[in-house]
Amino acid sequence: MAGEHPALAALAREVPVGAAVLEDLEAHGVHAPVWHALTTDATPRTWTQL
């Protein structure tokens, strides 16, 4: 995706990006360690630790 959108690639170099499973967010909330950084290891963490 970043290959098709250079602005997205530039943003990802400056801002931490992450993803979470919707069911995990609904069950545990956005502050729970359900986020996975897209640029480093896949260890679950809170969104503030991305």
PDB file of N, CA and C in Angstrom:
ATOM      1  N   MET A   1       0.825  -1.191   0.000  1.00  0.00           N
ATOM      2  CA  MET A   1       0.000   0.000   0.000  1.00  0.00           C
ATOM      3  C   MET A   1       0.869   1.254   0.000  1.00  0.00           C
ATOM      4  N   ALA A   2       1.927   1.239   0.799  1.00  0.00           N
ATOM      5  CA  ALA A   2       2.794   2.416   0.863  1.00  0.00           C
ATOM      6  C   ALA A   2       3.502   2.651  -0.460  1.00  0.00           C
ATOM      7  N   GLY A   3       3.721   1.574  -1.218  1.00  0.00           N
ATOM      8  CA  GLY A   3       4.352   1.731  -2.528  1.00  0.00           C
ATOM      9  C   GLY A   3       3.494   2.515  -3.494  1.00  0.00           C
ATOM     10  N   GLU A   4       2.194   2.413  -3.353  1.00  0.00           N
ATOM     11  CA  GLU A   4       1.261   3.138  -4.212  1.00  0.00           C
ATOM     12  C   GLU A   4       0.957   4.539  -3.699  1.00  0.00           C
ATOM     13  N   HIS A   5       1.234   4.770  -2.427  1.00  0.00           N
ATOM     14  CA  HIS A   5       0.918   6.060  -1.807  1.00  0.00           C
ATOM     15  C   HIS A   5       2.157   6.590  -1.078  1.00  0.00           C
ATOM     16  N   PRO A   6       3.024   7.314  -1.767  1.00  0.00           N
ATOM     17  CA  PRO A   6       4.250   7.818  -1.143  1.00  0.00           C
ATOM     18  C   PRO A   6       4.002   8.670   0.103  1.00  0.00           C
ATOM     19  N   ALA A   7       2.894   9.393   0.136  1.00  0.00           N
ATOM     20  CA  ALA A   7       2.598  10.220   1.311  1.00  0.00           C
ATOM     21  C   ALA A   7       2.359   9.337   2.535  1.00  0.00           C
ATOM     22  N   LEU A   8       1.744   8.182   2.341  1.00  0.00           N
ATOM     23  CA  LEU A   8       1.521   7.249   3.443  1.00  0.00           C
ATOM     24  C   LEU A   8       2.844   6.693   3.947  1.00  0.00           C
ATOM     25  N   ALA A   9       3.738   6.369   3.054  1.00  0.00           N
ATOM     26  CA  ALA A   9       5.058   5.874   3.451  1.00  0.00           C
ATOM     27  C   ALA A   9       5.798   6.938   4.258  1.00  0.00           C
ATOM     28  N   ALA A  10       5.720   8.177   3.827  1.00  0.00           N
ATOM     29  CA  ALA A  10       6.378   9.269   4.555  1.00  0.00           C
ATOM     30  C   ALA A  10       5.762   9.435   5.944  1.00  0.00           C
ATOM     31  N   LEU A  11       4.455   9.332   6.039  1.00  0.00           N
ATOM     32  CA  LEU A  11       3.777   9.448   7.325  1.00  0.00           C
ATOM     33  C   LEU A  11       4.205   8.328   8.266  1.00  0.00           C
ATOM     34  N   ALA A  12       4.291   7.098   7.748  1.00  0.00           N
ATOM     35  CA  ALA A  12       4.670   5.957   8.575  1.00  0.00           C
ATOM     36  C   ALA A  12       6.104   6.059   9.080  1.00  0.00           C
ATOM     37  N   ARG A  13       6.949   6.797   8.388  1.00  0.00           N
ATOM     38  CA  ARG A  13       8.318   7.003   8.877  1.00  0.00           C
ATOM     39  C   ARG A  13       8.353   7.976  10.048  1.00  0.00           C
ATOM     40  N   GLU A  14       7.365   8.831  10.149  1.00  0.00           N
ATOM     41  CA  GLU A  14       7.343   9.867  11.194  1.00  0.00           C
ATOM     42  C   GLU A  14       6.395   9.561  12.350  1.00  0.00           C
ATOM     43  N   VAL A  15       5.312   8.835  12.070  1.00  0.00           N
ATOM     44  CA  VAL A  15       4.270   8.582  13.067  1.00  0.00           C
ATOM     45  C   VAL A  15       4.143   7.073  13.280  1.00  0.00           C
ATOM     46  N   PRO A  16       4.146   6.604  14.529  1.00  0.00           N
ATOM     47  CA  PRO A  16       3.978   5.169  14.759  1.00  0.00           C
ATOM     48  C   PRO A  16       2.620   4.687  14.245  1.00  0.00           C
ATOM     49  N   VAL A  17       2.624   3.581  13.510  1.00  0.00           N
ATOM     50  CA  VAL A  17       1.391   3.025  12.973  1.00  0.00           C
ATOM     51  C   VAL A  17       1.147   1.657  13.593  1.00  0.00           C
ATOM     52  N   GLY A  18      -0.115   1.362  13.859  1.00  0.00           N
ATOM     53  CA  GLY A  18      -0.452   0.082  14.449  1.00  0.00           C
ATOM     54  C   GLY A  18      -1.822  -0.385  14.007  1.00  0.00           C
ATOM     55  N   ALA A  19      -2.120  -1.623  14.339  1.00  0.00           N
ATOM     56  CA  ALA A  19      -3.415  -2.219  14.005  1.00  0.00           C
ATOM     57  C   ALA A  19      -3.873  -3.064  15.190  1.00  0.00           C
ATOM     58  N   ALA A  20      -5.184  -3.216  15.291  1.00  0.00           N
ATOM     59  CA  ALA A  20      -5.768  -4.054  16.337  1.00  0.00           C
ATOM     60  C   ALA A  20      -6.988  -4.756  15.767  1.00  0.00           C
ATOM     61  N   VAL A  21      -7.289  -5.901  16.319  1.00  0.00           N
ATOM     62  CA  VAL A  21      -8.482  -6.647  15.924  1.00  0.00           C
ATOM     63  C   VAL A  21      -9.694  -5.979  16.572  1.00  0.00           C
ATOM     64  N   LEU A  22     -10.726  -5.738  15.789  1.00  0.00           N
ATOM     65  CA  LEU A  22     -11.904  -5.028  16.277  1.00  0.00           C
ATOM     66  C   LEU A  22     -12.523  -5.717  17.493  1.00  0.00           C
ATOM     67  N   GLU A  23     -12.602  -7.033  17.472  1.00  0.00           N
ATOM     68  CA  GLU A  23     -13.186  -7.758  18.610  1.00  0.00           C
ATOM     69  C   GLU A  23     -12.374  -7.529  19.890  1.00  0.00           C
ATOM     70  N   ASP A  24     -11.051  -7.443  19.759  1.00  0.00           N
ATOM     71  CA  ASP A  24     -10.207  -7.165  20.927  1.00  0.00           C
ATOM     72  C   ASP A  24     -10.456  -5.755  21.454  1.00  0.00           C
ATOM     73  N   LEU A  25     -10.612  -4.813  20.550  1.00  0.00           N
ATOM     74  CA  LEU A  25     -10.903  -3.442  20.975  1.00  0.00           C
ATOM     75  C   LEU A  25     -12.243  -3.366  21.694  1.00  0.00           C
ATOM     76  N   GLU A  26     -13.239  -4.068  21.156  1.00  0.00           N
ATOM     77  CA  GLU A  26     -14.561  -4.050  21.784  1.00  0.00           C
ATOM     78  C   GLU A  26     -14.548  -4.749  23.145  1.00  0.00           C
ATOM     79  N   ALA A  27     -13.800  -5.831  23.251  1.00  0.00           N
ATOM     80  CA  ALA A  27     -13.776  -6.600  24.497  1.00  0.00           C
ATOM     81  C   ALA A  27     -12.927  -5.949  25.577  1.00  0.00           C
ATOM     82  N   HIS A  28     -11.804  -5.349  25.185  1.00  0.00           N
ATOM     83  CA  HIS A  28     -10.833  -4.868  26.178  1.00  0.00           C
ATOM     84  C   HIS A  28     -10.663  -3.358  26.199  1.00  0.00           C
ATOM     85  N   GLY A  29     -11.122  -2.672  25.178  1.00  0.00           N
ATOM     86  CA  GLY A  29     -10.994  -1.216  25.111  1.00  0.00           C
ATOM     87  C   GLY A  29      -9.728  -0.777  24.397  1.00  0.00           C
ATOM     88  N   VAL A  30      -9.709   0.469  23.985  1.00  0.00           N
ATOM     89  CA  VAL A  30      -8.604   0.988  23.177  1.00  0.00           C
ATOM     90  C   VAL A  30      -7.305   1.146  23.959  1.00  0.00           C
ATOM     91  N   HIS A  31      -7.389   1.196  25.281  1.00  0.00           N
ATOM     92  CA  HIS A  31      -6.181   1.387  26.091  1.00  0.00           C
ATOM     93  C   HIS A  31      -5.513   0.069  26.482  1.00  0.00           C
ATOM     94  N   ALA A  32      -6.136  -1.050  26.139  1.00  0.00           N
ATOM     95  CA  ALA A  32      -5.577  -2.369  26.465  1.00  0.00           C
ATOM     96  C   ALA A  32      -4.428  -2.694  25.510  1.00  0.00           C
ATOM     97  N   PRO A  33      -3.559  -3.602  25.901  1.00  0.00           N
ATOM     98  CA  PRO A  33      -2.449  -3.998  25.018  1.00  0.00           C
ATOM     99  C   PRO A  33      -2.912  -4.936  23.897  1.00  0.00           C
ATOM    100  N   VAL A  34      -3.688  -4.386  22.985  1.00  0.00           N
ATOM    101  CA  VAL A  34      -4.213  -5.151  21.842  1.00  0.00           C
ATOM    102  C   VAL A  34      -3.665  -4.624  20.517  1.00  0.00           C
ATOM    103  N   TRP A  35      -2.825  -3.608  20.578  1.00  0.00           N
ATOM    104  CA  TRP A  35      -2.287  -2.983  19.367  1.00  0.00           C
ATOM    105  C   TRP A  35      -0.985  -3.656  18.947  1.00  0.00           C
ATOM    106  N   HIS A  36      -0.795  -3.772  17.647  1.00  0.00           N
ATOM    107  CA  HIS A  36       0.413  -4.364  17.075  1.00  0.00           C
ATOM    108  C   HIS A  36       1.067  -3.326  16.171  1.00  0.00           C
ATOM    109  N   ALA A  37       2.303  -2.987  16.480  1.00  0.00           N
ATOM    110  CA  ALA A  37       3.036  -2.025  15.658  1.00  0.00           C
ATOM    111  C   ALA A  37       3.265  -2.613  14.273  1.00  0.00           C
ATOM    112  N   LEU A  38       3.106  -1.810  13.252  1.00  0.00           N
ATOM    113  CA  LEU A  38       3.281  -2.285  11.883  1.00  0.00           C
ATOM    114  C   LEU A  38       4.715  -2.162  11.396  1.00  0.00           C
ATOM    115  N   THR A  39       5.544  -1.453  12.148  1.00  0.00           N
ATOM    116  CA  THR A  39       6.918  -1.229  11.692  1.00  0.00           C
ATOM    117  C   THR A  39       7.959  -1.956  12.533  1.00  0.00           C
ATOM    118  N   THR A  40       7.544  -2.579  13.649  1.00  0.00           N
ATOM    119  CA  THR A  40       8.486  -3.315  14.498  1.00  0.00           C
ATOM    120  C   THR A  40       7.927  -4.709  14.746  1.00  0.00           C
ATOM    121  N   ASP A  41       8.315  -5.315  15.847  1.00  0.00           N
ATOM    122  CA  ASP A  41       7.809  -6.663  16.136  1.00  0.00           C
ATOM    123  C   ASP A  41       6.306  -6.636  16.395  1.00  0.00           C
ATOM    124  N   ALA A  42       5.702  -7.795  16.421  1.00  0.00           N
ATOM    125  CA  ALA A  42       4.246  -7.898  16.542  1.00  0.00           C
ATOM    126  C   ALA A  42       3.785  -8.090  17.979  1.00  0.00           C
ATOM    127  N   THR A  43       4.622  -7.725  18.943  1.00  0.00           N
ATOM    128  CA  THR A  43       4.251  -7.858  20.342  1.00  0.00           C
ATOM    129  C   THR A  43       3.074  -6.938  20.653  1.00  0.00           C
ATOM    130  N   PRO A  44       1.989  -7.473  21.224  1.00  0.00           N
ATOM    131  CA  PRO A  44       0.858  -6.600  21.578  1.00  0.00           C
ATOM    132  C   PRO A  44       1.284  -5.548  22.603  1.00  0.00           C
ATOM    133  N   ARG A  45       0.757  -4.361  22.455  1.00  0.00           N
ATOM    134  CA  ARG A  45       1.086  -3.259  23.354  1.00  0.00           C
ATOM    135  C   ARG A  45      -0.072  -2.279  23.394  1.00  0.00           C
ATOM    136  N   THR A  46      -0.011  -1.319  24.290  1.00  0.00           N
ATOM    137  CA  THR A  46      -1.029  -0.258  24.310  1.00  0.00           C
ATOM    138  C   THR A  46      -0.743   0.709  23.174  1.00  0.00           C
ATOM    139  N   TRP A  47      -1.734   1.486  22.801  1.00  0.00           N
ATOM    140  CA  TRP A  47      -1.532   2.393  21.667  1.00  0.00           C
ATOM    141  C   TRP A  47      -0.489   3.461  21.973  1.00  0.00           C
ATOM    142  N   THR A  48      -0.295   3.790  23.241  1.00  0.00           N
ATOM    143  CA  THR A  48       0.722   4.800  23.579  1.00  0.00           C
ATOM    144  C   THR A  48       2.127   4.228  23.493  1.00  0.00           C
ATOM    145  N   GLN A  49       2.265   2.898  23.381  1.00  0.00           N
ATOM    146  CA  GLN A  49       3.575   2.263  23.278  1.00  0.00           C
ATOM    147  C   GLN A  49       3.952   1.914  21.843  1.00  0.00           C
ATOM    148  N   LEU A  50       3.132   2.320  20.906  1.00  0.00           N
ATOM    149  CA  LEU A  50       3.448   2.027  19.501  1.00  0.00           C
ATOM    150  C   LEU A  50       4.716   2.751  19.122  1.00  0.00           C
TER     151      LEU A  50
END
